[in-house]
Amino acid sequence: MKIFPITLFQTVALTGFSASVLLATTPAQAINLINNGSFENSSLGSGFNFVTLSAGSTAINDWIVTSGSIEYKNQLWQASDGVFSVDLSGNNAGSIAQTFITAPGNQYLVSFDLAGNPAGTPTVKTLRLSAGSSSQDFTFDVTGKTFANMGWSSQSFSFAASSNSTTLSFASLDNTAYGPALDNVVVTAVPWETDALSVVGSTILFGLGLWRKNKVSQKRSEDL
């Protein structure tokens, strides 16, 4: 029986193609677990500069103001995503939160866009992100920024869930009327990355095994 040799180059090319297909298709599973992360939906309509919302308000769909007060911005300044955003200091330091479903032990990645109200002090705004029992502070310097050029900056934070649901909270640490600005909140589950890498590794090992088996079969054919 004629044995057609498979070269190492062909094996690497085949497994590399398979790996690229897996990595290209797997990220589709990374769905945003946060609803209304860009604050585009509310009961307040549009066409205003800002509306001040106090603790207990659920006017912004899927979010609740959990302390102090915030300002829901529309036409006053440039949003990062869409036309709405939030100043986490309304009349004073405020906070907002949303609870979403998680799996205990799983890793999650939070990303969001951060800026600051350039109309007043402090110059460096401070935001605290909390997810379950994990938290981190983020700062933004408004020097040189304007309502037309907010200078939005992408930030990220990862945490491990400890229960079937996790509350994500963003709080201003600036007890003034000019706080950190927030927009474009996204939370995704991280495990799909590690799962994909393990599958890619298995695919490469399978390809190398196939090449070795072909080499053995080819040697036996030549001996006959």
Protein backbone atom coordinates (compact mmCIF):
# COMPACT_ATOMS: atom_id res chain seq x y z
CA MET A 1 0.00 0.00 0.00
CA LYS A 2 1.34 3.41 -0.97
CA ILE A 3 2.01 5.65 2.04
CA PHE A 4 1.88 9.37 1.34
CA PRO A 5 4.26 11.12 3.74
CA ILE A 6 3.02 13.99 5.89
CA THR A 7 5.77 16.52 6.45
CA LEU A 8 6.32 18.28 9.74
CA PHE A 9 5.60 21.56 7.94
CA GLN A 10 2.19 20.26 6.81
CA THR A 11 1.42 19.11 10.35
CA VAL A 12 2.33 22.48 11.87
CA ALA A 13 0.32 24.31 9.20
CA LEU A 14 -2.74 22.11 9.79
CA THR A 15 -2.65 22.42 13.58
CA GLY A 16 -1.92 26.14 13.36
CA PHE A 17 -4.95 26.63 11.13
CA SER A 18 -7.13 24.61 13.52
CA ALA A 19 -5.87 26.64 16.48
CA SER A 20 -6.59 29.94 14.73
CA VAL A 21 -10.13 28.81 13.91
CA LEU A 22 -10.73 27.85 17.55
CA LEU A 23 -9.38 31.13 18.90
CA ALA A 24 -11.29 33.13 16.31
CA THR A 25 -14.64 31.55 17.08
CA THR A 26 -14.42 31.10 20.84
CA PRO A 27 -14.51 34.82 21.85
CA ALA A 28 -18.10 34.97 20.59
CA GLN A 29 -18.96 33.35 23.91
CA ALA A 30 -17.74 36.48 25.75
CA ILE A 31 -21.16 38.04 26.29
CA ASN A 32 -21.61 41.20 28.36
CA LEU A 33 -23.27 40.16 31.62
CA ILE A 34 -24.19 43.75 32.48
CA ASN A 35 -27.43 45.25 31.21
CA ASN A 36 -27.49 48.84 29.98
CA GLY A 37 -23.76 49.24 30.55
CA SER A 38 -23.63 52.51 28.61
CA PHE A 39 -26.66 53.97 30.45
CA GLU A 40 -28.55 54.58 27.21
CA ASN A 41 -31.91 53.40 28.58
CA SER A 42 -33.84 55.18 31.33
CA SER A 43 -37.24 56.54 32.26
CA LEU A 44 -35.97 60.10 31.86
CA GLY A 45 -36.03 60.51 28.10
CA SER A 46 -33.40 62.71 26.45
CA GLY A 47 -32.67 66.29 25.40
CA PHE A 48 -31.40 67.53 28.78
CA ASN A 49 -27.96 68.48 30.10
CA PHE A 50 -28.15 66.38 33.25
CA VAL A 51 -30.54 65.08 35.90
CA THR A 52 -29.52 64.61 39.53
CA LEU A 53 -30.55 61.24 40.98
CA SER A 54 -30.52 60.50 44.71
CA ALA A 55 -30.02 57.27 46.65
CA GLY A 56 -32.72 54.72 45.87
CA SER A 57 -33.35 55.94 42.34
CA THR A 58 -33.85 53.30 39.64
CA ALA A 59 -34.49 55.81 36.85
CA ILE A 60 -31.52 54.43 34.88
CA ASN A 61 -32.66 51.00 33.70
CA ASP A 62 -31.03 48.04 35.50
CA TRP A 63 -29.04 50.30 37.86
CA ILE A 64 -29.76 51.63 41.33
CA VAL A 65 -28.23 54.68 43.03
CA THR A 66 -26.98 53.15 46.27
CA SER A 67 -25.67 56.20 48.15
CA GLY A 68 -25.42 59.99 47.97
CA SER A 69 -26.37 61.35 44.56
CA ILE A 70 -25.18 61.12 40.95
CA GLU A 71 -25.75 63.12 37.77
CA TYR A 72 -27.17 61.43 34.69
CA LYS A 73 -25.51 63.27 31.79
CA ASN A 74 -26.97 63.65 28.30
CA GLN A 75 -26.09 66.77 26.29
CA LEU A 76 -23.70 68.47 28.70
CA TRP A 77 -20.58 66.61 27.65
CA GLN A 78 -19.20 64.05 25.24
CA ALA A 79 -20.10 60.47 26.27
CA SER A 80 -17.72 57.58 25.64
CA ASP A 81 -20.32 55.23 24.16
CA GLY A 82 -23.68 56.51 22.95
CA VAL A 83 -25.01 59.81 24.28
CA PHE A 84 -25.43 59.16 28.02
CA SER A 85 -22.96 58.77 30.88
CA VAL A 86 -22.81 59.23 34.66
CA ASP A 87 -21.04 61.67 36.97
CA LEU A 88 -20.68 59.71 40.21
CA SER A 89 -20.81 62.93 42.25
CA GLY A 90 -24.14 64.70 42.10
CA ASN A 91 -24.62 67.12 44.97
CA ASN A 92 -22.10 64.98 46.85
CA ALA A 93 -20.28 61.66 46.43
CA GLY A 94 -22.61 58.95 45.13
CA SER A 95 -22.56 55.37 43.91
CA ILE A 96 -24.48 53.07 41.57
CA ALA A 97 -24.74 49.30 41.44
CA GLN A 98 -26.09 46.38 39.45
CA THR A 99 -26.36 42.71 40.47
CA PHE A 100 -25.76 39.99 37.89
CA ILE A 101 -25.55 36.18 37.77
CA THR A 102 -22.14 34.56 38.37
CA ALA A 103 -20.74 31.08 38.99
CA PRO A 104 -18.77 30.61 42.24
CA GLY A 105 -15.05 30.22 41.57
CA ASN A 106 -15.20 31.59 38.04
CA GLN A 107 -13.07 34.55 36.97
CA TYR A 108 -14.67 37.67 35.49
CA LEU A 109 -13.27 40.72 33.74
CA VAL A 110 -14.77 44.18 34.25
CA SER A 111 -13.97 46.90 31.72
CA PHE A 112 -15.25 50.47 31.74
CA ASP A 113 -14.43 53.95 30.48
CA LEU A 114 -13.35 56.57 33.00
CA ALA A 115 -13.17 60.37 32.81
CA GLY A 116 -13.95 63.22 35.20
CA ASN A 117 -16.08 66.32 35.50
CA PRO A 118 -13.68 69.11 34.43
CA ALA A 119 -15.85 71.93 35.81
CA GLY A 120 -14.50 71.83 39.38
CA THR A 121 -12.15 70.37 41.97
CA PRO A 122 -10.52 68.05 42.74
CA THR A 123 -8.30 67.90 39.67
CA VAL A 124 -7.68 64.19 40.18
CA LYS A 125 -10.96 62.28 40.48
CA THR A 126 -11.13 58.95 42.31
CA LEU A 127 -13.55 56.11 41.60
CA ARG A 128 -13.86 52.90 43.62
CA LEU A 129 -15.01 49.75 41.82
CA SER A 130 -16.32 46.90 43.97
CA ALA A 131 -17.35 43.42 42.87
CA GLY A 132 -18.40 41.18 45.72
CA SER A 133 -15.61 41.36 48.30
CA SER A 134 -13.02 42.68 45.81
CA SER A 135 -12.39 46.36 45.13
CA GLN A 136 -9.93 48.74 43.48
CA ASP A 137 -9.55 52.50 43.23
CA PHE A 138 -9.01 54.27 39.90
CA THR A 139 -8.00 57.89 39.31
CA PHE A 140 -8.39 60.34 36.44
CA ASP A 141 -6.68 63.71 36.01
CA VAL A 142 -8.93 66.29 34.31
CA THR A 143 -6.12 68.73 33.53
CA GLY A 144 -6.67 70.07 30.02
CA LYS A 145 -10.01 68.26 29.62
CA THR A 146 -13.25 69.93 28.50
CA PHE A 147 -16.89 68.95 28.01
CA ALA A 148 -16.11 68.57 24.29
CA ASN A 149 -12.93 66.57 24.93
CA MET A 150 -13.41 64.44 28.02
CA GLY A 151 -10.41 62.19 27.38
CA TRP A 152 -12.15 58.95 28.25
CA SER A 153 -9.74 56.22 29.38
CA SER A 154 -10.39 52.46 29.24
CA GLN A 155 -9.90 50.62 32.56
CA SER A 156 -10.14 46.97 33.61
CA PHE A 157 -10.49 44.90 36.76
CA SER A 158 -10.73 41.13 37.34
CA PHE A 159 -12.26 39.19 40.20
CA ALA A 160 -13.31 35.69 41.23
CA ALA A 161 -16.99 35.19 42.04
CA SER A 162 -17.85 33.70 45.43
CA SER A 163 -21.60 33.24 44.97
CA ASN A 164 -24.35 32.73 42.39
CA SER A 165 -24.77 36.50 42.03
CA THR A 166 -22.39 39.43 42.35
CA THR A 167 -23.09 43.11 42.89
CA LEU A 168 -20.94 45.45 40.82
CA SER A 169 -20.65 48.93 42.33
CA PHE A 170 -19.02 52.17 41.21
CA ALA A 171 -18.56 54.87 43.85
CA SER A 172 -17.13 58.39 43.87
CA LEU A 173 -14.59 59.13 46.55
CA ASP A 174 -14.83 62.86 45.79
CA ASN A 175 -17.34 64.49 48.11
CA THR A 176 -17.97 67.43 45.77
CA ALA A 177 -20.30 68.12 42.86
CA TYR A 178 -17.53 67.33 40.34
CA GLY A 179 -16.67 63.67 40.42
CA PRO A 180 -15.42 60.80 38.29
CA ALA A 181 -17.38 60.09 35.10
CA LEU A 182 -18.39 56.57 34.07
CA ASP A 183 -19.51 54.95 30.81
CA ASN A 184 -19.38 51.74 28.75
CA VAL A 185 -19.40 49.11 31.53
CA VAL A 186 -18.78 45.54 30.36
CA VAL A 187 -18.41 42.31 32.38
CA THR A 188 -17.39 39.05 30.72
CA ALA A 189 -16.58 35.57 32.01
CA VAL A 190 -12.88 34.75 31.64
CA PRO A 191 -12.83 30.88 31.51
CA TRP A 192 -13.49 30.71 27.75
CA GLU A 193 -9.88 31.81 27.21
CA THR A 194 -8.34 29.00 29.25
CA ASP A 195 -10.74 26.45 27.77
CA ALA A 196 -9.76 27.50 24.27
CA LEU A 197 -6.05 27.25 25.04
CA SER A 198 -6.42 23.71 26.38
CA VAL A 199 -8.27 22.68 23.22
CA VAL A 200 -5.60 24.30 21.05
CA GLY A 201 -2.89 22.45 22.99
CA SER A 202 -4.68 19.15 22.49
CA THR A 203 -5.03 19.90 18.78
CA ILE A 204 -1.30 20.53 18.42
CA LEU A 205 -0.40 17.33 20.30
CA PHE A 206 -2.81 15.37 18.11
CA GLY A 207 -1.18 16.82 14.99
CA LEU A 208 2.32 15.89 16.16
CA GLY A 209 1.12 12.40 17.03
CA LEU A 210 -0.38 12.03 13.56
CA TRP A 211 2.92 13.09 11.99
CA ARG A 212 4.91 10.59 14.08
CA LYS A 213 2.47 7.78 13.25
CA ASN A 214 2.76 8.60 9.56
CA LYS A 215 6.57 8.51 9.78
CA VAL A 216 6.45 5.04 11.41
CA SER A 217 4.02 3.75 8.75
CA GLN A 218 6.23 5.16 6.00
CA LYS A 219 9.33 3.41 7.47
CA ARG A 220 7.54 0.09 7.65
CA SER A 221 6.40 0.46 4.03
CA GLU A 222 9.96 1.11 2.92
CA ASP A 223 11.21 -1.96 4.82
CA LEU A 224 8.66 -4.11 2.98
